[in-house]
Protein backbone atom coordinates (compact mmCIF):
# COMPACT_ATOMS: atom_id res chain seq x y z
CA UNK A 1 -74.93 -9.42 -4.70
CA UNK A 2 -76.46 -11.17 -7.70
CA UNK A 3 -79.63 -13.21 -7.02
CA UNK A 4 -79.03 -16.93 -7.40
CA UNK A 5 -75.23 -16.73 -7.12
CA UNK A 6 -73.46 -18.05 -4.04
CA UNK A 7 -70.80 -15.49 -3.03
CA UNK A 8 -67.10 -16.38 -3.01
CA UNK A 9 -64.67 -14.89 -0.51
CA UNK A 10 -61.15 -15.58 -1.79
CA UNK A 11 -57.83 -14.74 -0.17
CA UNK A 12 -54.61 -14.09 -2.10
CA UNK A 13 -51.57 -14.49 0.12
CA UNK A 14 -49.21 -13.35 -2.66
CA UNK A 15 -45.52 -13.89 -1.73
CA UNK A 16 -46.31 -14.36 1.93
CA UNK A 17 -46.69 -17.39 4.17
CA UNK A 18 -44.51 -20.20 5.44
CA UNK A 19 -45.42 -23.62 6.74
CA UNK A 20 -45.46 -21.99 10.17
CA UNK A 21 -48.45 -19.94 8.96
CA UNK A 22 -50.61 -23.06 8.88
CA UNK A 23 -52.15 -21.98 12.17
CA UNK A 24 -53.97 -19.13 10.44
CA UNK A 25 -55.43 -21.61 7.95
CA UNK A 26 -56.41 -23.89 10.82
CA UNK A 27 -58.40 -21.10 12.43
CA UNK A 28 -60.07 -20.23 9.10
CA UNK A 29 -60.96 -23.87 8.53
CA UNK A 30 -62.33 -24.40 12.02
CA UNK A 31 -64.37 -21.18 11.97
CA UNK A 32 -65.86 -21.95 8.54
CA UNK A 33 -68.83 -23.58 10.20
CA UNK A 34 -71.87 -25.04 8.39
CA UNK A 35 -73.99 -21.94 8.97
CA UNK A 36 -71.37 -19.83 7.15
CA UNK A 37 -70.46 -22.38 4.47
CA UNK A 38 -74.15 -22.55 3.58
CA UNK A 39 -74.00 -18.84 2.70
CA UNK A 40 -70.62 -18.47 0.98
CA UNK A 41 -67.71 -20.34 -0.56
CA UNK A 42 -64.29 -19.74 1.02
CA UNK A 43 -61.01 -20.03 -0.87
CA UNK A 44 -57.41 -19.16 0.01
CA UNK A 45 -54.82 -18.93 -2.78
CA UNK A 46 -51.43 -19.79 -1.33
CA UNK A 47 -47.78 -19.79 -2.39
CA UNK A 48 -46.81 -22.97 -4.26
CA UNK A 49 -44.65 -24.03 -1.30
CA UNK A 50 -47.68 -24.34 0.97
CA UNK A 51 -50.13 -26.05 -1.38
CA UNK A 52 -49.26 -29.68 -0.68
CA UNK A 53 -49.46 -29.39 3.09
CA UNK A 54 -52.55 -27.18 2.92
CA UNK A 55 -54.28 -29.60 0.55
CA UNK A 56 -54.07 -32.38 3.14
CA UNK A 57 -55.05 -29.93 5.84
CA UNK A 58 -58.39 -28.88 4.28
CA UNK A 59 -59.21 -32.15 2.53
CA UNK A 60 -62.26 -32.88 4.68
CA UNK A 61 -63.36 -29.27 5.03
CA UNK A 62 -65.62 -27.09 2.84
CA UNK A 63 -62.76 -24.58 2.79
CA UNK A 64 -60.88 -24.64 -0.52
CA UNK A 65 -57.34 -23.74 -1.55
CA UNK A 66 -55.95 -22.41 -4.82
CA UNK A 67 -52.79 -21.20 -6.53
CA UNK A 68 -51.79 -17.70 -7.63
CA UNK A 69 -50.49 -18.53 -11.13
CA UNK A 70 -49.72 -21.41 -13.48
CA UNK A 71 -48.03 -22.18 -16.79
CA UNK A 72 -50.15 -22.16 -19.93
CA UNK A 73 -48.82 -25.55 -21.09
CA UNK A 74 -50.02 -28.82 -19.60
CA UNK A 75 -46.46 -30.08 -19.07
CA UNK A 76 -43.02 -29.95 -20.65
CA UNK A 77 -39.55 -28.42 -20.57
CA UNK A 78 -40.34 -25.26 -18.61
CA UNK A 79 -37.81 -25.10 -15.81
CA UNK A 80 -39.10 -23.42 -12.67
CA UNK A 81 -42.75 -23.34 -13.78
CA UNK A 82 -45.75 -25.09 -12.27
CA UNK A 83 -48.52 -26.79 -14.27
CA UNK A 84 -52.21 -26.85 -13.42
CA UNK A 85 -51.99 -30.63 -13.11
CA UNK A 86 -49.36 -30.22 -10.38
CA UNK A 87 -51.57 -27.66 -8.64
CA UNK A 88 -54.59 -29.96 -8.77
CA UNK A 89 -52.44 -32.83 -7.50
CA UNK A 90 -51.90 -30.81 -4.30
CA UNK A 91 -55.64 -30.65 -3.69
CA UNK A 92 -56.18 -27.13 -5.03
CA UNK A 93 -59.33 -26.32 -6.99
CA UNK A 94 -58.67 -22.80 -8.32
CA UNK A 95 -55.98 -20.64 -9.91
CA UNK A 96 -55.69 -16.85 -10.09
CA UNK A 97 -54.60 -15.67 -13.54
CA UNK A 98 -53.84 -12.19 -14.82
CA UNK A 99 -53.39 -10.47 -11.49
CA UNK A 100 -52.13 -6.93 -12.03
CA UNK A 101 -48.87 -7.79 -10.28
CA UNK A 102 -48.28 -10.56 -12.84
CA UNK A 103 -49.24 -8.26 -15.69
CA UNK A 104 -46.90 -5.54 -14.39
CA UNK A 105 -43.98 -7.50 -12.94
CA UNK A 106 -43.87 -10.16 -15.66
CA UNK A 107 -45.38 -8.31 -18.61
CA UNK A 108 -48.25 -10.75 -19.05
CA UNK A 109 -50.58 -9.85 -21.92
CA UNK A 110 -54.31 -10.48 -22.23
CA UNK A 111 -53.51 -13.28 -24.67
CA UNK A 112 -51.20 -14.99 -22.19
CA UNK A 113 -53.78 -14.65 -19.43
CA UNK A 114 -56.41 -16.17 -21.71
CA UNK A 115 -54.13 -19.13 -22.52
CA UNK A 116 -53.52 -19.77 -18.83
CA UNK A 117 -57.23 -19.52 -18.07
CA UNK A 118 -58.04 -22.04 -20.80
CA UNK A 119 -55.57 -24.49 -19.28
CA UNK A 120 -57.03 -23.97 -15.80
CA UNK A 121 -60.52 -24.65 -17.11
CA UNK A 122 -59.32 -27.68 -19.09
CA UNK A 123 -58.33 -29.30 -15.79
CA UNK A 124 -61.76 -28.61 -14.27
CA UNK A 125 -60.43 -25.89 -12.01
CA UNK A 126 -61.85 -22.46 -11.21
CA UNK A 127 -60.10 -19.69 -13.15
CA UNK A 128 -60.16 -16.36 -11.31
CA UNK A 129 -59.39 -13.86 -14.06
CA UNK A 130 -58.26 -10.45 -12.80
CA UNK A 131 -58.87 -7.14 -14.55
CA UNK A 132 -58.49 -3.52 -13.47
CA UNK A 133 -57.31 -0.05 -14.42
CA UNK A 134 -54.35 2.03 -13.28
CA UNK A 135 -54.68 5.37 -11.53
CA UNK A 136 -53.66 7.15 -14.73
CA UNK A 137 -56.32 5.33 -16.75
CA UNK A 138 -58.93 6.14 -14.10
CA UNK A 139 -58.05 9.85 -14.17
CA UNK A 140 -58.33 9.84 -17.97
CA UNK A 141 -61.84 8.40 -17.69
CA UNK A 142 -60.79 5.17 -19.44
CA UNK A 143 -61.84 2.66 -16.79
CA UNK A 144 -64.65 1.01 -18.74
CA UNK A 145 -62.62 0.92 -21.95
CA UNK A 146 -59.79 -0.83 -20.11
CA UNK A 147 -62.18 -3.35 -18.55
CA UNK A 148 -63.78 -4.06 -21.93
CA UNK A 149 -60.42 -4.71 -23.57
CA UNK A 150 -59.14 -6.91 -20.75
CA UNK A 151 -62.35 -8.93 -20.58
CA UNK A 152 -62.44 -9.45 -24.33
CA UNK A 153 -58.79 -10.52 -24.47
CA UNK A 154 -58.44 -12.46 -21.20
CA UNK A 155 -61.64 -14.49 -20.84
CA UNK A 156 -61.87 -17.76 -22.81
CA UNK A 157 -64.87 -18.45 -25.03
CA UNK A 158 -66.14 -21.27 -22.83
CA UNK A 159 -65.70 -22.66 -19.34
CA UNK A 160 -65.13 -26.24 -20.57
CA UNK A 161 -65.07 -28.32 -17.36
CA UNK A 162 -64.23 -25.53 -14.92
CA UNK A 163 -65.70 -22.26 -13.71
CA UNK A 164 -64.95 -18.72 -14.80
CA UNK A 165 -64.78 -16.04 -12.10
CA UNK A 166 -63.91 -12.43 -12.93
CA UNK A 167 -62.24 -10.25 -10.29
CA UNK A 168 -62.26 -6.47 -10.67
CA UNK A 169 -59.24 -5.03 -8.87
CA UNK A 170 -58.57 -1.36 -9.58
CA UNK A 171 -54.77 -1.33 -9.50
CA UNK A 172 -54.61 1.99 -7.68
CA UNK A 173 -56.62 0.50 -4.78
CA UNK A 174 -54.54 -2.65 -4.22
CA UNK A 175 -52.69 -2.42 -0.92
CA UNK A 176 -53.02 1.36 -0.76
CA UNK A 177 -55.90 1.67 1.66
CA UNK A 178 -57.82 3.54 -1.05
CA UNK A 179 -61.14 2.22 -2.34
CA UNK A 180 -63.47 3.40 -5.09
CA UNK A 181 -66.82 4.78 -4.04
CA UNK A 182 -69.74 2.38 -3.89
CA UNK A 183 -71.09 4.14 -6.98
CA UNK A 184 -67.83 3.51 -8.87
CA UNK A 185 -67.79 -0.18 -7.93
CA UNK A 186 -71.44 -0.57 -8.89
CA UNK A 187 -70.82 1.06 -12.27
CA UNK A 188 -67.84 -1.17 -13.03
CA UNK A 189 -69.63 -4.36 -12.02
CA UNK A 190 -72.82 -3.43 -13.90
CA UNK A 191 -70.69 -2.87 -17.00
CA UNK A 192 -68.88 -6.19 -16.52
CA UNK A 193 -72.17 -8.05 -16.14
CA UNK A 194 -73.53 -6.49 -19.31
CA UNK A 195 -70.37 -7.46 -21.22
CA UNK A 196 -70.66 -11.06 -20.01
CA UNK A 197 -74.33 -11.30 -20.95
CA UNK A 198 -73.63 -9.85 -24.39
CA UNK A 199 -70.92 -12.44 -24.95
CA UNK A 200 -72.34 -15.55 -23.23
CA UNK A 201 -76.08 -14.89 -23.18
CA UNK A 202 -77.94 -15.89 -20.03
CA UNK A 203 -74.88 -17.84 -18.87
CA UNK A 204 -73.26 -14.45 -18.32
CA UNK A 205 -75.64 -13.94 -15.40
CA UNK A 206 -74.19 -16.96 -13.60
CA UNK A 207 -70.52 -15.87 -13.64
CA UNK A 208 -69.32 -14.61 -10.26
CA UNK A 209 -67.90 -11.09 -10.19
CA UNK A 210 -65.53 -10.36 -7.30
CA UNK A 211 -64.30 -6.99 -6.07
CA UNK A 212 -60.74 -6.60 -4.79
CA UNK A 213 -58.76 -3.63 -3.57
CA UNK A 214 -58.27 -2.73 0.10
CA UNK A 215 -61.22 -4.81 1.31
CA UNK A 216 -61.29 -4.90 5.12
CA UNK A 217 -63.73 -6.01 7.82
CA UNK A 218 -64.77 -2.38 8.24
CA UNK A 219 -65.86 -1.81 4.62
CA UNK A 220 -66.77 -5.35 3.55
CA UNK A 221 -70.48 -5.14 4.33
CA UNK A 222 -70.96 -2.06 2.15
CA UNK A 223 -68.86 -3.41 -0.72
CA UNK A 224 -70.36 -6.90 -0.64
CA UNK A 225 -73.87 -5.46 -0.68
CA UNK A 226 -73.41 -3.71 -4.03
CA UNK A 227 -75.35 -5.08 -6.99
CA UNK A 228 -73.36 -7.60 -9.07
CA UNK A 229 -70.62 -7.90 -6.44
CA UNK A 230 -70.58 -11.64 -5.76
CA UNK A 231 -67.74 -11.74 -3.27
CA UNK A 232 -64.21 -10.46 -2.82
CA UNK A 233 -60.61 -11.19 -3.74
CA UNK A 234 -58.63 -10.13 -0.68
CA UNK A 235 -54.91 -9.51 -0.35
CA UNK A 236 -53.33 -8.36 2.91
CA UNK A 237 -56.45 -8.83 5.03
CA UNK A 238 -56.50 -12.55 4.16
CA UNK A 239 -53.20 -13.23 5.92
CA UNK A 240 -54.78 -13.07 9.36
CA UNK A 241 -57.70 -15.33 10.17
CA UNK A 242 -59.39 -12.68 12.31
CA UNK A 243 -59.48 -10.16 9.46
CA UNK A 244 -60.42 -12.69 6.78
CA UNK A 245 -63.22 -14.13 8.87
CA UNK A 246 -64.36 -10.59 9.68
CA UNK A 247 -64.86 -10.02 5.95
CA UNK A 248 -66.69 -13.32 5.60
CA UNK A 249 -68.98 -12.17 8.41
CA UNK A 250 -70.32 -9.47 6.06
CA UNK A 251 -72.63 -12.23 4.83
């Protein structure tokens, strides 16, 4: 953890979840009691189809909801796309941009991720900007070079009205059950912090750095206790309230 930063535990449901899944959110909301919400922030990023209903559902709770992507433009003739204004209108307060699955499946570049992040921040939302290396890049010893390039290209120059969060998700660890060693995670997050401080000065020490990649209740305490790890971005384990709350319990 980083002194002075309130941790964020964020779930990413990806292309999972129907309106019938609202019961899992209900349990998360009800179990996010004051003693826990005083320690951490909780966020669940849902499919677009669930945002409206979920926004009403958590409106009077400290639990927050977010989206998993957005269009870079504020509005316009972009059939099938969703704007940040639409997302905010549902009651969401955050958007994930640049997830490796978007970069891979849709060919999103650092520049496109940066443009989306700028739009998210323009609307006063939290932009969770994802970075991470492939298994091939890791084996070549290029992890830090990849992180440097992605951070430089994907992170806007200022937060405007919103909040920048950076999530390190080694691609080879997402959904595989594999995790880097604590030493590897610490090295990556120390490097990321140094890059942010070099670019933003002391403000770089206030940006939350999340770790993602096969985080589970069984390994959360070790991972969340690493220096400069200010929370987690969780995939599969966020679909079930019991698992997600088990990770939150690491704090």
